[in-house]
Amino acid sequence: MSEYSRLGAQTRMLACSLVVGGSMFFQVMPAFAEPGELLQLAQTIALPDVRGRIDHLDIDLDGGRLFVAALGNNSVEVIDLRAGRRSARLEHLREPQGVAYVPEVRRLFVASGESGRVDVFAGNALAAVGHIDAFEDADNVRYDPASGRVYVGYGSALAVLEAPTMQLVSRIKLSGHPESFQLESTGSRIFINVPKAETDRRRRSEAGKCCGQLGLGRNAGQLPHGARRGQASFVRCHAAARRASNLRH
């Protein structure tokens, strides 16, 4: 899921997907509850004709839209959060996995694994305005508001794109596929999960050079995913969900 820390206190929501009887539903709940306060179901949004699994999400705060990468359906579902229903669908995508909305230029970047490219859609109508090729197994997408750049995980590298021009700036080589990554909110580092390399790599977004590796040992091949809280990062592995590494900086 994309960085919901961008959401305001009154609009912070947590979206969960459920599959019931072959139909897909979204359950939307207020997130970041006060200590001791339980999350309460606020809304359920049905996507009855979406088949297969979904991947990443992102949100358009001003427009009240949620973008859902429906990988198994080869589409991106656009949900009107105010109306509580789907308002549009972007079709003919080949395994869309990552989505990132850039509010400054009102563009949606969609990374598709099978086609190996990033498609860009613009405005309220989400009209196709271009695409960037040569990204084998394109996966996660992240937007950095400070630099105005979009980062795309693919193959064994990260691609760096200029959001306004859609131009490829550089490629950051890695030792394996970046299964997930996060941009440091108060610095210039990128934390990258590279399961096959048995490490979490830390790279500087400005210099594009590796500034450290965090070994995860036997958990490495189990799709680690990260989260950051203050000065500590936590890495959880899918096949060992009860085990987490606390990585202090």
Protein backbone atom coordinates (compact mmCIF):
# COMPACT_ATOMS: atom_id res chain seq x y z
CA MET A 1 0.00 0.00 0.00
CA SER A 2 1.18 3.52 -0.72
CA GLU A 3 2.16 6.07 1.91
CA TYR A 4 -1.07 6.90 3.75
CA SER A 5 0.90 9.15 6.07
CA ARG A 6 0.01 11.83 3.49
CA LEU A 7 -3.61 11.68 4.54
CA GLY A 8 -5.05 14.37 6.78
CA ALA A 9 -6.37 13.59 10.24
CA GLN A 10 -9.99 13.73 9.07
CA THR A 11 -9.47 11.62 5.95
CA ARG A 12 -7.07 8.90 7.01
CA MET A 13 -8.55 5.57 6.04
CA LEU A 14 -7.38 1.97 5.89
CA ALA A 15 -8.59 -0.07 2.90
CA CYS A 16 -8.67 -3.86 2.99
CA SER A 17 -9.68 -6.19 0.17
CA LEU A 18 -11.85 -9.28 0.61
CA VAL A 19 -12.93 -11.93 -1.88
CA VAL A 20 -16.33 -13.47 -1.16
CA GLY A 21 -18.02 -15.89 -3.53
CA GLY A 22 -15.83 -14.83 -6.44
CA SER A 23 -16.59 -11.14 -5.96
CA MET A 24 -14.19 -8.58 -4.56
CA PHE A 25 -15.04 -6.10 -1.82
CA PHE A 26 -13.17 -3.22 -0.22
CA GLN A 27 -13.60 -2.54 3.45
CA VAL A 28 -12.65 0.98 4.45
CA MET A 29 -11.90 1.72 8.09
CA PRO A 30 -10.59 4.82 9.89
CA ALA A 31 -6.89 4.34 10.48
CA PHE A 32 -4.51 5.61 13.18
CA ALA A 33 -7.00 5.16 16.01
CA GLU A 34 -6.28 6.62 19.42
CA PRO A 35 -4.59 4.30 21.97
CA GLY A 36 -7.10 1.75 23.21
CA GLU A 37 -9.61 2.62 20.48
CA LEU A 38 -10.69 -0.18 18.12
CA LEU A 39 -10.91 0.30 14.37
CA GLN A 40 -14.49 0.49 13.15
CA LEU A 41 -15.77 -0.52 9.72
CA ALA A 42 -16.78 2.65 7.89
CA GLN A 43 -17.58 1.44 4.40
CA THR A 44 -17.64 -1.64 2.16
CA ILE A 45 -17.13 -1.12 -1.58
CA ALA A 46 -18.00 -4.02 -3.90
CA LEU A 47 -16.05 -4.78 -7.08
CA PRO A 48 -18.17 -7.68 -8.35
CA ASP A 49 -16.55 -8.19 -11.74
CA VAL A 50 -12.92 -7.98 -10.66
CA ARG A 51 -11.19 -11.36 -10.91
CA GLY A 52 -7.85 -12.50 -9.53
CA ARG A 53 -5.69 -10.84 -6.94
CA ILE A 54 -4.99 -7.15 -6.53
CA ASP A 55 -1.67 -5.53 -5.75
CA HIS A 56 -0.86 -1.94 -4.73
CA LEU A 57 -3.09 1.07 -4.07
CA ASP A 58 -2.71 4.84 -4.10
CA ILE A 59 -5.00 7.77 -3.42
CA ASP A 60 -5.97 11.12 -4.91
CA LEU A 61 -6.79 13.16 -1.81
CA ASP A 62 -8.17 16.23 -3.59
CA GLY A 63 -10.29 14.18 -5.97
CA GLY A 64 -11.37 11.60 -3.39
CA ARG A 65 -10.28 8.71 -5.62
CA LEU A 66 -8.62 5.41 -4.75
CA PHE A 67 -6.58 3.65 -7.45
CA VAL A 68 -6.47 -0.15 -7.22
CA ALA A 69 -4.00 -2.23 -9.25
CA ALA A 70 -6.15 -5.25 -10.11
CA LEU A 71 -3.27 -7.40 -11.32
CA GLY A 72 -5.32 -10.53 -12.03
CA ASN A 73 -7.94 -8.54 -13.90
CA ASN A 74 -5.41 -6.61 -16.04
CA SER A 75 -7.00 -3.33 -15.00
CA VAL A 76 -6.75 -0.40 -12.60
CA GLU A 77 -10.00 0.19 -10.74
CA VAL A 78 -10.82 3.81 -9.86
CA ILE A 79 -13.00 4.13 -6.77
CA ASP A 80 -14.95 7.26 -5.84
CA LEU A 81 -14.51 7.30 -2.07
CA ARG A 82 -17.22 9.90 -1.54
CA ALA A 83 -19.83 7.93 -3.47
CA GLY A 84 -18.53 4.58 -2.26
CA ARG A 85 -18.43 2.96 -5.68
CA ARG A 86 -16.22 2.39 -8.68
CA SER A 87 -16.26 5.35 -11.04
CA ALA A 88 -13.89 4.22 -13.80
CA ARG A 89 -11.64 1.43 -15.02
CA LEU A 90 -8.34 1.55 -16.92
CA GLU A 91 -8.25 -1.57 -19.09
CA HIS A 92 -5.91 -3.47 -21.41
CA LEU A 93 -3.02 -3.33 -18.95
CA ARG A 94 -0.85 -6.43 -18.61
CA GLU A 95 -0.51 -7.34 -14.94
CA PRO A 96 -0.57 -3.87 -13.36
CA GLN A 97 1.25 -4.06 -10.06
CA GLY A 98 2.31 -0.61 -8.83
CA VAL A 99 0.41 2.68 -8.89
CA ALA A 100 1.51 6.15 -7.81
CA TYR A 101 -0.54 9.33 -8.09
CA VAL A 102 1.34 12.63 -8.44
CA PRO A 103 -1.02 15.43 -7.33
CA GLU A 104 1.19 18.31 -8.50
CA VAL A 105 0.81 17.28 -12.15
CA ARG A 106 -2.39 15.22 -11.69
CA ARG A 107 -0.87 12.13 -13.24
CA LEU A 108 -1.18 8.45 -12.39
CA PHE A 109 1.84 6.20 -13.00
CA VAL A 110 1.03 2.49 -13.46
CA ALA A 111 3.74 -0.18 -13.60
CA SER A 112 2.80 -3.44 -15.33
CA GLY A 113 4.88 -6.58 -14.87
CA GLU A 114 3.97 -8.53 -17.99
CA SER A 115 4.32 -5.63 -20.42
CA GLY A 116 7.42 -4.34 -18.63
CA ARG A 117 6.45 -0.70 -18.89
CA VAL A 118 5.01 2.27 -17.01
CA ASP A 119 1.83 3.85 -18.40
CA VAL A 120 0.92 7.42 -17.46
CA PHE A 121 -2.65 8.78 -17.24
CA ALA A 122 -3.61 12.41 -16.60
CA GLY A 123 -6.43 14.61 -15.34
CA ASN A 124 -9.92 13.80 -14.12
CA ALA A 125 -10.56 11.64 -17.16
CA LEU A 126 -7.27 9.75 -16.69
CA ALA A 127 -6.44 10.06 -20.38
CA ALA A 128 -3.35 8.14 -21.52
CA VAL A 129 -0.53 10.61 -22.09
CA GLY A 130 2.48 8.36 -22.53
CA HIS A 131 4.45 5.33 -21.45
CA ILE A 132 8.02 4.37 -20.64
CA ASP A 133 9.35 0.97 -21.77
CA ALA A 134 12.17 -1.44 -20.86
CA PHE A 135 11.21 -2.22 -17.25
CA GLU A 136 11.15 -6.01 -17.02
CA ASP A 137 8.74 -7.25 -14.30
CA ALA A 138 7.84 -3.68 -13.31
CA ASP A 139 6.51 -3.74 -9.75
CA ASN A 140 6.34 -1.14 -6.96
CA VAL A 141 6.06 2.57 -7.68
CA ARG A 142 6.79 5.38 -5.22
CA TYR A 143 6.57 9.17 -5.57
CA ASP A 144 8.93 11.57 -3.80
CA PRO A 145 7.29 15.02 -3.51
CA ALA A 146 10.56 16.65 -2.43
CA SER A 147 12.34 15.83 -5.69
CA GLY A 148 9.34 15.50 -7.99
CA ARG A 149 10.58 12.07 -9.03
CA VAL A 150 8.90 8.70 -9.39
CA TYR A 151 10.77 5.51 -8.47
CA VAL A 152 9.91 2.20 -10.13
CA GLY A 153 11.13 -1.20 -8.95
CA TYR A 154 11.75 -3.65 -11.79
CA GLY A 155 14.06 -6.52 -12.77
CA SER A 156 17.15 -6.02 -10.63
CA ALA A 157 17.06 -2.25 -10.41
CA LEU A 158 15.17 0.93 -9.59
CA ALA A 159 14.27 3.38 -12.34
CA VAL A 160 14.12 7.10 -11.56
CA LEU A 161 11.61 9.17 -13.57
CA GLU A 162 10.86 12.89 -13.66
CA ALA A 163 7.15 13.19 -12.89
CA PRO A 164 6.47 16.38 -14.95
CA THR A 165 8.29 15.24 -18.11
CA MET A 166 8.01 11.42 -17.73
CA GLN A 167 11.70 11.24 -18.68
CA LEU A 168 13.99 8.48 -17.41
CA VAL A 169 16.69 10.09 -15.25
CA SER A 170 18.71 7.08 -14.14
CA ARG A 171 18.72 3.41 -13.21
CA ILE A 172 19.99 2.16 -9.87
CA LYS A 173 21.37 -1.38 -10.19
CA LEU A 174 20.64 -3.93 -7.45
CA SER A 175 21.71 -7.50 -6.73
CA GLY A 176 18.17 -8.86 -7.13
CA HIS A 177 14.53 -7.97 -7.68
CA PRO A 178 13.28 -5.16 -5.38
CA GLU A 179 10.22 -6.83 -3.89
CA SER A 180 9.32 -3.69 -1.97
CA PHE A 181 10.91 -0.37 -1.09
CA GLN A 182 10.18 2.79 0.88
CA LEU A 183 11.49 6.34 0.58
CA GLU A 184 12.84 7.93 3.74
CA SER A 185 10.47 10.76 4.66
CA THR A 186 13.05 12.94 6.41
CA GLY A 187 16.21 12.07 4.48
CA SER A 188 17.60 10.97 1.14
CA ARG A 189 17.70 7.21 1.62
CA ILE A 190 15.63 4.46 0.01
CA PHE A 191 15.08 1.22 1.93
CA ILE A 192 14.86 -1.68 -0.54
CA ASN A 193 13.84 -5.28 0.14
CA VAL A 194 15.89 -7.62 -2.05
CA PRO A 195 14.87 -11.13 -0.87
CA LYS A 196 17.21 -13.16 -3.08
CA ALA A 197 20.19 -11.10 -1.96
CA GLU A 198 19.38 -11.86 1.72
CA THR A 199 19.58 -8.19 2.58
CA ASP A 200 17.67 -4.98 2.97
CA ARG A 201 19.64 -2.48 0.91
CA ARG A 202 19.81 1.20 1.72
CA ARG A 203 20.55 3.56 -1.16
CA ARG A 204 20.84 7.30 -1.40
CA SER A 205 18.27 8.74 -3.75
CA GLU A 206 20.52 11.63 -4.75
CA ALA A 207 23.82 9.85 -5.29
CA GLY A 208 22.33 6.50 -6.37
CA LYS A 209 24.99 4.66 -4.40
CA CYS A 210 24.59 1.90 -1.85
CA CYS A 211 25.24 3.13 1.67
CA GLY A 212 24.59 -0.09 3.57
CA GLN A 213 23.13 -3.58 3.69
CA LEU A 214 21.14 -5.20 6.48
CA GLY A 215 21.41 -9.00 6.49
CA LEU A 216 18.21 -10.98 7.11
CA GLY A 217 19.74 -14.46 6.97
CA ARG A 218 17.35 -17.36 6.48
CA ASN A 219 14.32 -15.05 6.37
CA ALA A 220 15.59 -13.35 3.24
CA GLY A 221 13.77 -15.46 0.66
CA GLN A 222 10.42 -15.00 2.37
CA LEU A 223 9.35 -11.67 0.85
CA PRO A 224 10.31 -9.19 3.57
CA HIS A 225 8.21 -6.04 3.88
CA GLY A 226 9.17 -3.02 5.92
CA ALA A 227 7.67 -0.35 8.08
CA ARG A 228 9.25 2.62 9.79
CA ARG A 229 8.34 4.08 13.16
CA GLY A 230 10.48 6.97 14.37
CA GLN A 231 14.10 5.89 14.47
CA ALA A 232 13.41 2.17 14.05
CA SER A 233 12.53 0.12 10.98
CA PHE A 234 10.73 -3.20 11.25
CA VAL A 235 11.08 -5.93 8.64
CA ARG A 236 8.50 -8.72 8.54
CA CYS A 237 8.80 -11.86 6.43
CA HIS A 238 5.74 -13.55 4.93
CA ALA A 239 6.75 -17.11 5.76
CA ALA A 240 7.72 -16.18 9.29
CA ALA A 241 5.08 -13.62 10.17
CA ARG A 242 5.67 -13.89 13.89
CA ARG A 243 9.30 -12.89 13.50
CA ALA A 244 10.41 -9.31 12.90
CA SER A 245 13.77 -7.58 12.80
CA ASN A 246 14.04 -4.27 14.61
CA LEU A 247 16.62 -2.20 12.72
CA ARG A 248 17.66 0.93 14.58
CA HIS A 249 19.61 3.71 12.84
